C-alpha atoms as a PDB file:
ATOM      1  CA  MET A   1      -7.820  32.575   2.643  1.00  0.00           C
ATOM      2  CA  PRO A   2      -5.428  30.613   4.010  1.00  0.00           C
ATOM      3  CA  ARG A   3      -1.430  31.184   3.836  1.00  0.00           C
ATOM      4  CA  ASP A   4       0.500  29.287   1.462  1.00  0.00           C
ATOM      5  CA  PHE A   5       3.512  29.029   4.198  1.00  0.00           C
ATOM      6  CA  SER A   6       5.752  26.584   2.037  1.00  0.00           C
ATOM      7  CA  ARG A   7       5.822  28.985  -0.762  1.00  0.00           C
ATOM      8  CA  GLU A   8       6.379  32.091   0.977  1.00  0.00           C
ATOM      9  CA  LEU A   9       9.403  30.542   2.585  1.00  0.00           C
ATOM     10  CA  ALA A  10      10.476  29.599  -0.930  1.00  0.00           C
ATOM     11  CA  ASN A  11      10.292  33.407  -1.758  1.00  0.00           C
ATOM     12  CA  ARG A  12      11.647  34.709   1.036  1.00  0.00           C
ATOM     13  CA  ASP A  13      13.476  32.473   2.957  1.00  0.00           C
ATOM     14  CA  THR A  14      14.197  34.369   6.070  1.00  0.00           C
ATOM     15  CA  ARG A  15      15.335  33.093   9.586  1.00  0.00           C
ATOM     16  CA  ALA A  16      12.068  34.087  10.817  1.00  0.00           C
ATOM     17  CA  ASP A  17       9.944  32.073   8.385  1.00  0.00           C
ATOM     18  CA  GLU A  18      12.196  29.152   8.780  1.00  0.00           C
ATOM     19  CA  GLU A  19      11.754  29.316  12.459  1.00  0.00           C
ATOM     20  CA  LEU A  20       7.975  29.359  12.374  1.00  0.00           C
ATOM     21  CA  LEU A  21       7.607  26.665   9.867  1.00  0.00           C
ATOM     22  CA  GLY A  22      10.239  24.231  12.004  1.00  0.00           C
ATOM     23  CA  ASP A  23       7.881  25.319  15.248  1.00  0.00           C
ATOM     24  CA  LEU A  24       4.589  24.169  13.810  1.00  0.00           C
ATOM     25  CA  ILE A  25       5.979  20.975  12.770  1.00  0.00           C
ATOM     26  CA  MET A  26       7.769  20.420  16.150  1.00  0.00           C
ATOM     27  CA  ASN A  27       4.102  20.722  17.363  1.00  0.00           C
ATOM     28  CA  ILE A  28       2.719  17.418  15.303  1.00  0.00           C
ATOM     29  CA  GLU A  29       3.435  14.750  17.951  1.00  0.00           C
ATOM     30  CA  ARG A  30       2.585  11.218  18.338  1.00  0.00           C
ATOM     31  CA  ILE A  31       3.060   8.403  20.686  1.00  0.00           C
ATOM     32  CA  PRO A  32       7.122   7.080  20.261  1.00  0.00           C
ATOM     33  CA  GLY A  33       8.261   3.975  18.173  1.00  0.00           C
ATOM     34  CA  ASN A  34      10.653   3.201  15.611  1.00  0.00           C
ATOM     35  CA  GLY A  35       8.107   2.744  12.769  1.00  0.00           C
ATOM     36  CA  TRP A  36       5.730   5.209  10.797  1.00  0.00           C
ATOM     37  CA  LEU A  37       2.255   6.320  11.425  1.00  0.00           C
ATOM     38  CA  ALA A  38       0.313   7.446   8.190  1.00  0.00           C
ATOM     39  CA  LEU A  39      -2.818   9.696   8.387  1.00  0.00           C
ATOM     40  CA  LEU A  40      -4.479  10.098   5.302  1.00  0.00           C
ATOM     41  CA  GLY A  41      -7.039  12.603   4.378  1.00  0.00           C
ATOM     42  CA  GLY A  42      -9.268   9.994   2.555  1.00  0.00           C
ATOM     43  CA  GLY A  43      -9.944   9.493  -1.474  1.00  0.00           C
ATOM     44  CA  GLU A  44     -10.979   6.711  -3.410  1.00  0.00           C
ATOM     45  CA  PHE A  45      -8.349   4.237  -3.647  1.00  0.00           C
ATOM     46  CA  SER A  46     -10.174   2.679  -6.611  1.00  0.00           C
ATOM     47  CA  PHE A  47      -9.951   5.583  -8.629  1.00  0.00           C
ATOM     48  CA  GLY A  48      -5.910   6.412  -7.594  1.00  0.00           C
ATOM     49  CA  GLU A  49      -6.751   9.326  -5.914  1.00  0.00           C
ATOM     50  CA  THR A  50      -4.586   8.070  -2.714  1.00  0.00           C
ATOM     51  CA  GLU A  51      -1.799   6.366  -4.798  1.00  0.00           C
ATOM     52  CA  ALA A  52       0.639   9.172  -3.804  1.00  0.00           C
ATOM     53  CA  ALA A  53       0.111   8.904  -0.078  1.00  0.00           C
ATOM     54  CA  ASP A  54       0.004   4.878  -0.527  1.00  0.00           C
ATOM     55  CA  ARG A  55       3.318   5.104  -2.148  1.00  0.00           C
ATOM     56  CA  ALA A  56       4.413   6.983   0.594  1.00  0.00           C
ATOM     57  CA  TRP A  57       3.843   4.676   3.473  1.00  0.00           C
ATOM     58  CA  LEU A  58       4.595   1.397   1.378  1.00  0.00           C
ATOM     59  CA  ALA A  59       7.947   3.173   0.793  1.00  0.00           C
ATOM     60  CA  LYS A  60       8.684   2.756   4.711  1.00  0.00           C
ATOM     61  CA  THR A  61       6.990  -0.627   4.941  1.00  0.00           C
ATOM     62  CA  LYS A  62       9.326  -3.691   5.499  1.00  0.00           C
ATOM     63  CA  GLU A  63       8.735  -7.027   3.613  1.00  0.00           C
ATOM     64  CA  GLY A  64       5.586  -8.498   4.713  1.00  0.00           C
ATOM     65  CA  SER A  65       1.869  -8.576   4.359  1.00  0.00           C
ATOM     66  CA  VAL A  66      -0.262  -5.431   5.074  1.00  0.00           C
ATOM     67  CA  GLY A  67      -3.243  -6.276   7.591  1.00  0.00           C
ATOM     68  CA  PHE A  68      -6.433  -4.341   7.092  1.00  0.00           C
ATOM     69  CA  ILE A  69      -9.021  -3.696  10.198  1.00  0.00           C
ATOM     70  CA  PRO A  70     -12.642  -3.202   8.808  1.00  0.00           C
ATOM     71  CA  ALA A  71     -14.221  -2.035  12.158  1.00  0.00           C
ATOM     72  CA  ALA A  72     -14.713   1.518  11.163  1.00  0.00           C
ATOM     73  CA  SER A  73     -16.719   0.553   8.049  1.00  0.00           C
ATOM     74  CA  GLY A  74     -17.757  -2.958   9.090  1.00  0.00           C
ATOM     75  CA  SER A  75     -17.294  -4.072   5.432  1.00  0.00           C
ATOM     76  CA  THR A  76     -15.621  -7.331   4.356  1.00  0.00           C
ATOM     77  CA  GLU A  77     -15.629  -6.008   0.371  1.00  0.00           C
ATOM     78  CA  TYR A  78     -13.740  -2.946   1.502  1.00  0.00           C
ATOM     79  CA  GLY A  79     -10.532  -5.229   2.249  1.00  0.00           C
ATOM     80  CA  GLU A  80     -11.606  -7.216  -0.663  1.00  0.00           C
ATOM     81  CA  HIS A  81     -10.772  -4.123  -3.129  1.00  0.00           C
ATOM     82  CA  LEU A  82      -7.910  -2.701  -0.672  1.00  0.00           C
ATOM     83  CA  ALA A  83      -6.179  -5.992  -1.585  1.00  0.00           C
ATOM     84  CA  GLU A  84      -6.807  -5.998  -5.116  1.00  0.00           C
ATOM     85  CA  TYR A  85      -5.647  -2.703  -5.731  1.00  0.00           C
ATOM     86  CA  LEU A  86      -2.376  -3.048  -3.820  1.00  0.00           C
ATOM     87  CA  ASP A  87      -1.519  -6.049  -5.652  1.00  0.00           C
ATOM     88  CA  GLU A  88      -2.256  -4.415  -8.915  1.00  0.00           C
ATOM     89  CA  ALA A  89      -0.527  -1.259  -7.784  1.00  0.00           C
ATOM     90  CA  PHE A  90       2.212  -1.954  -5.553  1.00  0.00           C
ATOM     91  CA  ASP A  91       2.440  -5.959  -5.752  1.00  0.00           C
ATOM     92  CA  ARG A  92       1.815  -6.294  -2.147  1.00  0.00           C
ATOM     93  CA  GLU A  93      -0.472  -8.743  -0.327  1.00  0.00           C
ATOM     94  CA  THR A  94      -2.884  -7.885   1.695  1.00  0.00           C
ATOM     95  CA  GLU A  95      -4.739 -10.087   4.597  1.00  0.00           C
ATOM     96  CA  THR A  96      -8.173  -8.827   6.449  1.00  0.00           C
ATOM     97  CA  ILE A  97      -7.770  -8.919   9.893  1.00  0.00           C
ATOM     98  CA  PRO A  98     -11.239  -9.384  10.974  1.00  0.00           C
ATOM     99  CA  VAL A  99     -11.760  -7.166  13.892  1.00  0.00           C
ATOM    100  CA  PHE A 100     -15.637  -5.638  13.768  1.00  0.00           C
ATOM    101  CA  ARG A 101     -16.589  -5.883  17.140  1.00  0.00           C
ATOM    102  CA  ALA A 102     -14.708  -5.451  20.557  1.00  0.00           C
ATOM    103  CA  ARG A 103     -14.923  -8.800  21.415  1.00  0.00           C
ATOM    104  CA  ASP A 104     -12.720  -9.680  17.862  1.00  0.00           C
ATOM    105  CA  ALA A 105     -10.254  -7.244  19.354  1.00  0.00           C
ATOM    106  CA  ARG A 106      -9.720  -9.870  22.269  1.00  0.00           C
ATOM    107  CA  ARG A 107      -9.061 -12.765  20.455  1.00  0.00           C
ATOM    108  CA  GLY A 108      -5.572 -13.978  20.106  1.00  0.00           C
ATOM    109  CA  ARG A 109      -5.351 -14.821  16.520  1.00  0.00           C
ATOM    110  CA  ASN A 110      -6.156 -11.379  15.309  1.00  0.00           C
ATOM    111  CA  CYS A 111      -3.577 -10.437  17.909  1.00  0.00           C
ATOM    112  CA  GLU A 112      -0.856 -12.408  16.313  1.00  0.00           C
ATOM    113  CA  ARG A 113      -2.017 -11.349  12.601  1.00  0.00           C
ATOM    114  CA  VAL A 114      -1.440  -7.824  13.620  1.00  0.00           C
ATOM    115  CA  SER A 115       2.307  -8.213  15.058  1.00  0.00           C
ATOM    116  CA  ASP A 116       2.544 -10.504  11.658  1.00  0.00           C
ATOM    117  CA  SER A 117       1.706  -7.540   9.458  1.00  0.00           C
ATOM    118  CA  ALA A 118       4.378  -5.338   8.108  1.00  0.00           C
ATOM    119  CA  ALA A 119       1.482  -2.682   8.157  1.00  0.00           C
ATOM    120  CA  VAL A 120      -1.701  -2.405   9.829  1.00  0.00           C
ATOM    121  CA  TYR A 121      -4.193  -0.294   7.720  1.00  0.00           C
ATOM    122  CA  LEU A 122      -7.449   1.512   9.319  1.00  0.00           C
ATOM    123  CA  GLY A 123     -10.287   1.684   6.603  1.00  0.00           C
ATOM    124  CA  GLY A 124     -11.919   4.525   6.771  1.00  0.00           C
ATOM    125  CA  GLY A 125     -15.784   4.475   7.882  1.00  0.00           C
ATOM    126  CA  VAL A 126     -17.474   5.511  11.064  1.00  0.00           C
ATOM    127  CA  SER A 127     -15.065   6.753  13.866  1.00  0.00           C
ATOM    128  CA  ASP A 128     -17.545   5.855  16.922  1.00  0.00           C
ATOM    129  CA  ASP A 129     -17.274   2.116  15.423  1.00  0.00           C
ATOM    130  CA  LEU A 130     -13.327   1.877  15.513  1.00  0.00           C
ATOM    131  CA  LEU A 131     -13.289   3.391  18.981  1.00  0.00           C
ATOM    132  CA  GLU A 132     -16.033   0.829  20.061  1.00  0.00           C
ATOM    133  CA  ALA A 133     -13.855  -1.929  19.233  1.00  0.00           C
ATOM    134  CA  LEU A 134     -10.381  -1.006  19.490  1.00  0.00           C
ATOM    135  CA  ALA A 135     -10.167   1.399  22.014  1.00  0.00           C
ATOM    136  CA  ARG A 136      -8.074  -0.070  25.080  1.00  0.00           C
ATOM    137  CA  SER A 137      -8.096  -3.464  23.528  1.00  0.00           C
ATOM    138  CA  THR A 138      -5.428  -5.923  23.138  1.00  0.00           C
ATOM    139  CA  VAL A 139      -5.216  -5.624  19.494  1.00  0.00           C
ATOM    140  CA  GLU A 140      -4.635  -1.559  19.905  1.00  0.00           C
ATOM    141  CA  GLY A 141      -1.958  -2.701  22.135  1.00  0.00           C
ATOM    142  CA  ARG A 142      -0.106  -4.986  19.442  1.00  0.00           C
ATOM    143  CA  LEU A 143      -0.560  -1.879  17.102  1.00  0.00           C
ATOM    144  CA  ARG A 144       1.196   0.287  19.443  1.00  0.00           C
ATOM    145  CA  GLN A 145       3.852  -2.515  19.549  1.00  0.00           C
ATOM    146  CA  LEU A 146       4.127  -2.688  16.057  1.00  0.00           C
ATOM    147  CA  LEU A 147       4.586   0.813  15.573  1.00  0.00           C
ATOM    148  CA  GLU A 148       7.492   0.547  18.656  1.00  0.00           C
ATOM    149  CA  ASP A 149       9.080  -2.274  16.620  1.00  0.00           C
ATOM    150  CA  GLY A 150       9.329  -0.290  13.374  1.00  0.00           C
ATOM    151  CA  GLY A 151       6.281  -1.257  11.631  1.00  0.00           C
ATOM    152  CA  VAL A 152       3.671   1.280  10.066  1.00  0.00           C
ATOM    153  CA  VAL A 153       0.522   2.252  11.189  1.00  0.00           C
ATOM    154  CA  VAL A 154      -2.106   3.672   8.477  1.00  0.00           C
ATOM    155  CA  ALA A 155      -5.456   5.269   9.201  1.00  0.00           C
ATOM    156  CA  ILE A 156      -7.478   6.938   6.446  1.00  0.00           C
ATOM    157  CA  ALA A 157     -10.541   9.702   7.053  1.00  0.00           C
ATOM    158  CA  ALA A 158     -12.491   8.702  10.096  1.00  0.00           C
ATOM    159  CA  ALA A 159      -9.922   6.028  11.483  1.00  0.00           C
ATOM    160  CA  ALA A 160      -7.051   8.844  11.129  1.00  0.00           C
ATOM    161  CA  GLN A 161      -9.677  11.288  13.007  1.00  0.00           C
ATOM    162  CA  ALA A 162     -10.009   9.193  15.853  1.00  0.00           C
ATOM    163  CA  LEU A 163      -6.025   8.639  16.548  1.00  0.00           C
ATOM    164  CA  GLY A 164      -6.524  12.297  17.997  1.00  0.00           C
ATOM    165  CA  GLU A 165      -7.266  13.571  22.001  1.00  0.00           C
ATOM    166  CA  TRP A 166     -10.846  13.507  20.336  1.00  0.00           C
ATOM    167  CA  ALA A 167     -13.160  11.995  17.728  1.00  0.00           C
ATOM    168  CA  ARG A 168     -16.075  14.038  16.313  1.00  0.00           C
ATOM    169  CA  SER A 169     -19.047  11.366  16.996  1.00  0.00           C
ATOM    170  CA  LEU A 170     -21.053  10.817  13.653  1.00  0.00           C
ATOM    171  CA  ARG A 171     -24.163   9.978  16.221  1.00  0.00           C
ATOM    172  CA  GLY A 172     -25.447  13.008  17.619  1.00  0.00           C
ATOM    173  CA  GLY A 173     -22.216  15.173  16.799  1.00  0.00           C
ATOM    174  CA  GLU A 174     -20.909  14.904  20.507  1.00  0.00           C
ATOM    175  CA  TYR A 175     -17.217  14.369  20.904  1.00  0.00           C
ATOM    176  CA  LEU A 176     -15.625  11.027  21.770  1.00  0.00           C
ATOM    177  CA  GLU A 177     -12.332  10.487  23.256  1.00  0.00           C
ATOM    178  CA  GLY A 178      -9.778   9.552  20.720  1.00  0.00           C
ATOM    179  CA  PHE A 179      -7.461   6.822  20.611  1.00  0.00           C
ATOM    180  CA  ARG A 180      -4.762   9.863  21.806  1.00  0.00           C
ATOM    181  CA  TRP A 181      -2.085   8.481  19.879  1.00  0.00           C
ATOM    182  CA  LEU A 182      -1.574  12.148  18.641  1.00  0.00           C
ATOM    183  CA  PRO A 183      -0.831  14.150  22.198  1.00  0.00           C
ATOM    184  CA  GLY A 184      -2.390  17.126  22.216  1.00  0.00           C
ATOM    185  CA  GLY A 185      -3.659  17.089  18.667  1.00  0.00           C
ATOM    186  CA  VAL A 186      -6.798  16.801  16.604  1.00  0.00           C
ATOM    187  CA  ILE A 187      -7.274  15.844  12.992  1.00  0.00           C
ATOM    188  CA  GLU A 188      -9.595  16.837  10.495  1.00  0.00           C
ATOM    189  CA  THR A 189     -10.005  14.867   7.131  1.00  0.00           C
ATOM    190  CA  ASN A 190     -11.234  15.142   3.847  1.00  0.00           C
ATOM    191  CA  PHE A 191     -10.947  19.025   4.774  1.00  0.00           C
ATOM    192  CA  ASP A 192     -11.562  21.692   3.023  1.00  0.00           C
ATOM    193  CA  PRO A 193     -10.431  25.091   4.383  1.00  0.00           C
ATOM    194  CA  ALA A 194     -13.235  27.164   2.969  1.00  0.00           C
ATOM    195  CA  HIS A 195     -15.733  24.900   5.188  1.00  0.00           C
ATOM    196  CA  ASP A 196     -13.501  25.140   8.387  1.00  0.00           C
ATOM    197  CA  ARG A 197     -16.165  25.365  11.004  1.00  0.00           C
ATOM    198  CA  ARG A 198     -15.996  21.601  12.547  1.00  0.00           C
ATOM    199  CA  PHE A 199     -11.964  21.847  12.554  1.00  0.00           C
ATOM    200  CA  ARG A 200     -12.059  24.977  14.963  1.00  0.00           C
ATOM    201  CA  GLN A 201     -14.776  23.639  17.452  1.00  0.00           C
ATOM    202  CA  SER A 202     -12.304  20.518  17.389  1.00  0.00           C
ATOM    203  CA  MET A 203      -9.657  22.917  18.326  1.00  0.00           C
ATOM    204  CA  ALA A 204     -11.413  24.087  21.094  1.00  0.00           C
ATOM    205  CA  ARG A 205     -11.792  20.872  23.032  1.00  0.00           C
ATOM    206  CA  PRO A 206      -9.723  20.501  26.060  1.00  0.00           C
ATOM    207  CA  GLY A 207      -6.272  19.756  26.017  1.00  0.00           C
ATOM    208  CA  VAL A 208      -6.079  20.385  22.422  1.00  0.00           C
ATOM    209  CA  ARG A 209      -2.615  22.152  21.345  1.00  0.00           C
ATOM    210  CA  TRP A 210      -2.611  21.697  17.489  1.00  0.00           C
ATOM    211  CA  GLY A 211      -4.444  20.178  14.765  1.00  0.00           C
ATOM    212  CA  VAL A 212      -4.047  19.272  11.146  1.00  0.00           C
ATOM    213  CA  GLY A 213      -6.636  19.482   8.509  1.00  0.00           C
ATOM    214  CA  ILE A 214      -5.704  16.915   5.674  1.00  0.00           C
ATOM    215  CA  PRO A 215      -7.731  17.265   2.512  1.00  0.00           C
ATOM    216  CA  SER A 216      -8.578  14.169   0.525  1.00  0.00           C
ATOM    217  CA  GLY A 217      -5.449  12.734  -1.379  1.00  0.00           C
ATOM    218  CA  ALA A 218      -3.240  14.212   1.029  1.00  0.00           C
ATOM    219  CA  ALA A 219      -1.354  12.792   3.964  1.00  0.00           C
ATOM    220  CA  VAL A 220       0.814  13.327   7.012  1.00  0.00           C
ATOM    221  CA  LEU A 221       3.571  10.676   7.656  1.00  0.00           C
ATOM    222  CA  LEU A 222       5.016  10.895  11.260  1.00  0.00           C
ATOM    223  CA  GLY A 223       8.200   9.149  12.152  1.00  0.00           C
ATOM    224  CA  PRO A 224      10.656   8.384  14.802  1.00  0.00           C
ATOM    225  CA  LEU A 225      12.602  10.765  16.286  1.00  0.00           C
ATOM    226  CA  GLY A 226       9.916  13.869  15.273  1.00  0.00           C
ATOM    227  CA  ALA A 227      10.881  13.214  11.576  1.00  0.00           C
ATOM    228  CA  VAL A 228       7.191  14.710   9.755  1.00  0.00           C
ATOM    229  CA  GLU A 229       6.638  14.283   5.835  1.00  0.00           C
ATOM    230  CA  PHE A 230       3.949  15.662   3.904  1.00  0.00           C
ATOM    231  CA  VAL A 231       2.101  14.460   0.550  1.00  0.00           C
ATOM    232  CA  GLY A 232       0.430  17.239  -0.793  1.00  0.00           C
ATOM    233  CA  GLY A 233      -0.408  19.975   1.257  1.00  0.00           C
ATOM    234  CA  VAL A 234      -2.052  20.379   4.801  1.00  0.00           C
ATOM    235  CA  PHE A 235      -3.480  22.996   7.038  1.00  0.00           C
ATOM    236  CA  ALA A 236      -2.118  23.371  10.567  1.00  0.00           C
ATOM    237  CA  LEU A 237      -3.724  25.156  13.348  1.00  0.00           C
ATOM    238  CA  ARG A 238      -2.257  25.990  17.025  1.00  0.00           C
ATOM    239  CA  ASP A 239      -5.561  27.982  18.231  1.00  0.00           C
ATOM    240  CA  PRO A 240      -8.946  28.083  17.003  1.00  0.00           C
ATOM    241  CA  ASP A 241      -8.673  31.252  15.825  1.00  0.00           C
ATOM    242  CA  ASP A 242      -5.526  31.399  14.228  1.00  0.00           C
ATOM    243  CA  ASP A 243      -5.486  31.633  10.383  1.00  0.00           C
ATOM    244  CA  PHE A 244      -3.985  28.595   8.697  1.00  0.00           C
ATOM    245  CA  GLU A 245      -0.355  27.583   7.944  1.00  0.00           C
ATOM    246  CA  VAL A 246      -0.057  25.353   4.955  1.00  0.00           C
ATOM    247  CA  LEU A 247       2.435  22.557   5.499  1.00  0.00           C
ATOM    248  CA  GLY A 248       3.466  20.671   2.747  1.00  0.00           C
ATOM    249  CA  ASP A 249       2.961  21.432  -1.129  1.00  0.00           C
ATOM    250  CA  LEU A 250      -0.526  22.248  -2.563  1.00  0.00           C
ATOM    251  CA  THR A 251       0.428  22.045  -5.943  1.00  0.00           C
END
């Protein structure tokens, strides 16, 4: 049974507990930049399951359109439905950036679309396809620059997983080298602590020092200068055999 560390702090409020919680949060690292990186655990936006997480990252987003990259799903309809949702729920304009394959991630117009966006949303789907299309591409470089310059990059489900040191392939169960935007970290999305075997296996990969399991509807927002915010509760590990520590609020 995972410990709800946030509740323990509320009940005891000891310095030792505060130091441990702070240490856990300090372990959550990302590449540098003046913007925010939002990691969403999953959920159906059309049913309102991601509304709290979406409200959180949009609050960090400057005026301007949200770019959507469909490489992980290969679906144009995904972008259409997301645009409708963000318009109706938040009055935000969305433009699909048509990156489906590696060649699309080299096109100058798509690079310009990324740079012109206030935020870019990496849709869910298959992490293999996202990595094949974007890893070490010009578009990935523009996404890094967007984050550096104060923009927001959002990644949900398989896309959030792909940002870590390693991503689990859905084709054969092997591990792929991730984008490595999260030094020493792995992300497990749509996470249920009652079914943690795959997360613990990921924690045992070379170079991994920390990991976060993010349930559907929850999110971790990583800001400049080590700022960390949570939507809902997430489950942190520093070792494959550790007990979970809950960061945020499960209620």
